[in-house]
Amino acid sequence: MRGLVDDKQRALLRVPVSASRKGSRTSIVVWIDTAFNGGLVIPRKQIAELELVQESSAEATLADGHPIELETFACFVDWFGNSYETQVIANDGEFPLLGTMLLV
């Protein structure tokens, strides 16, 4: 697996994902975010394109201390030769984020 660092110094990686374990894979470019300890954060527009199924919601606390509720989805990620199910959090950002959960 090879990544790149773009002109804004973001560590980016192309990762194959799918809505199901046996489904066809779509490669998305993710920004490696070591401040995020979850699996993936994907913009809502891409979640719709990938046809990910909403699982539930989760409560979280922002860095400023405010509580929020997050929509969560199921996703399968091909990661170093294996397929893993991980939780996806929906957001309105530009880039999908890959958290440290997948780096261990």
Protein backbone atom coordinates (compact mmCIF):
# COMPACT_ATOMS: atom_id res chain seq x y z
CA MET A 1 0.00 0.00 0.00
CA ARG A 2 1.43 3.37 -1.01
CA GLY A 3 0.26 6.80 -0.06
CA LEU A 4 1.31 10.32 -0.83
CA VAL A 5 1.70 13.69 0.83
CA ASP A 6 -0.07 16.48 -1.07
CA ASP A 7 0.91 20.13 -1.43
CA LYS A 8 -0.95 20.95 1.82
CA GLN A 9 1.12 18.34 3.72
CA ARG A 10 -1.82 15.93 4.14
CA ALA A 11 -0.96 12.23 4.28
CA LEU A 12 -3.33 10.61 1.77
CA LEU A 13 -3.98 6.96 0.97
CA ARG A 14 -6.22 5.19 -1.56
CA VAL A 15 -8.37 2.58 0.22
CA PRO A 16 -10.87 0.11 -1.34
CA VAL A 17 -14.26 0.13 0.45
CA SER A 18 -17.65 -1.52 0.01
CA ALA A 19 -21.10 -1.60 1.59
CA SER A 20 -20.83 -5.39 2.02
CA ARG A 21 -18.07 -7.95 2.52
CA LYS A 22 -18.59 -9.50 -0.94
CA GLY A 23 -19.65 -6.29 -2.72
CA SER A 24 -17.63 -4.57 -5.42
CA ARG A 25 -14.97 -2.24 -4.09
CA THR A 26 -14.66 1.48 -4.76
CA SER A 27 -11.35 3.15 -4.01
CA ILE A 28 -11.58 6.35 -2.02
CA VAL A 29 -8.76 8.71 -1.09
CA VAL A 30 -8.57 9.13 2.69
CA TRP A 31 -6.67 11.63 4.79
CA ILE A 32 -4.81 9.89 7.62
CA ASP A 33 -5.94 11.66 10.79
CA THR A 34 -3.95 10.63 13.87
CA ALA A 35 -6.17 12.83 16.08
CA PHE A 36 -9.19 10.61 15.24
CA ASN A 37 -9.27 7.26 17.04
CA GLY A 38 -12.15 5.74 15.06
CA GLY A 39 -12.26 3.90 11.74
CA LEU A 40 -13.47 6.20 8.97
CA VAL A 41 -15.24 9.53 8.56
CA ILE A 42 -16.79 9.91 5.11
CA PRO A 43 -18.69 12.88 3.66
CA ARG A 44 -22.45 12.25 3.36
CA LYS A 45 -22.30 12.66 -0.44
CA GLN A 46 -19.79 9.77 -0.73
CA ILE A 47 -21.78 7.67 1.75
CA ALA A 48 -24.79 7.98 -0.57
CA GLU A 49 -22.66 7.13 -3.64
CA LEU A 50 -21.24 4.06 -1.86
CA GLU A 51 -24.77 3.06 -0.74
CA LEU A 52 -23.62 2.45 2.83
CA VAL A 53 -26.32 1.30 5.25
CA GLN A 54 -26.95 3.41 8.34
CA GLU A 55 -26.36 1.42 11.53
CA SER A 56 -27.27 3.84 14.26
CA SER A 57 -26.07 7.02 15.84
CA ALA A 58 -23.43 7.67 18.45
CA GLU A 59 -22.90 10.43 20.97
CA ALA A 60 -19.57 12.22 20.90
CA THR A 61 -17.98 15.21 22.58
CA LEU A 62 -16.23 17.81 20.45
CA ALA A 63 -12.88 19.27 21.43
CA ASP A 64 -14.69 22.36 22.77
CA GLY A 65 -16.74 20.15 25.11
CA HIS A 66 -20.04 20.30 23.23
CA PRO A 67 -21.91 16.99 22.86
CA ILE A 68 -23.16 15.99 19.42
CA GLU A 69 -24.93 13.01 17.86
CA LEU A 70 -23.24 11.35 14.88
CA GLU A 71 -24.82 9.17 12.18
CA THR A 72 -22.93 5.88 11.82
CA PHE A 73 -22.78 3.48 8.88
CA ALA A 74 -21.29 0.04 8.21
CA CYS A 75 -18.43 -0.26 5.72
CA PHE A 76 -15.95 -2.91 4.66
CA VAL A 77 -12.35 -1.86 4.05
CA ASP A 78 -9.64 -3.84 2.27
CA TRP A 79 -6.62 -3.33 4.47
CA PHE A 80 -3.27 -5.04 3.84
CA GLY A 81 -4.83 -8.10 2.21
CA ASN A 82 -7.75 -8.52 4.61
CA SER A 83 -11.32 -7.23 4.62
CA TYR A 84 -12.44 -5.51 7.82
CA GLU A 85 -15.81 -4.18 8.86
CA THR A 86 -15.51 -0.75 10.39
CA GLN A 87 -17.82 2.00 11.56
CA VAL A 88 -18.15 5.07 9.38
CA ILE A 89 -19.15 8.44 10.79
CA ALA A 90 -20.93 10.80 8.40
CA ASN A 91 -19.81 14.41 8.05
CA ASP A 92 -19.97 17.35 5.67
CA GLY A 93 -16.21 17.60 5.05
CA GLU A 94 -14.25 17.43 1.81
CA PHE A 95 -12.01 14.42 2.49
CA PRO A 96 -12.74 11.05 4.08
CA LEU A 97 -10.62 10.60 7.22
CA LEU A 98 -8.93 7.37 8.29
CA GLY A 99 -8.44 7.10 12.02
CA THR A 100 -5.94 5.31 14.20
CA MET A 101 -8.28 2.34 14.78
CA LEU A 102 -7.10 0.99 11.42
CA LEU A 103 -3.43 1.78 12.09
CA VAL A 104 -3.00 -0.70 14.96
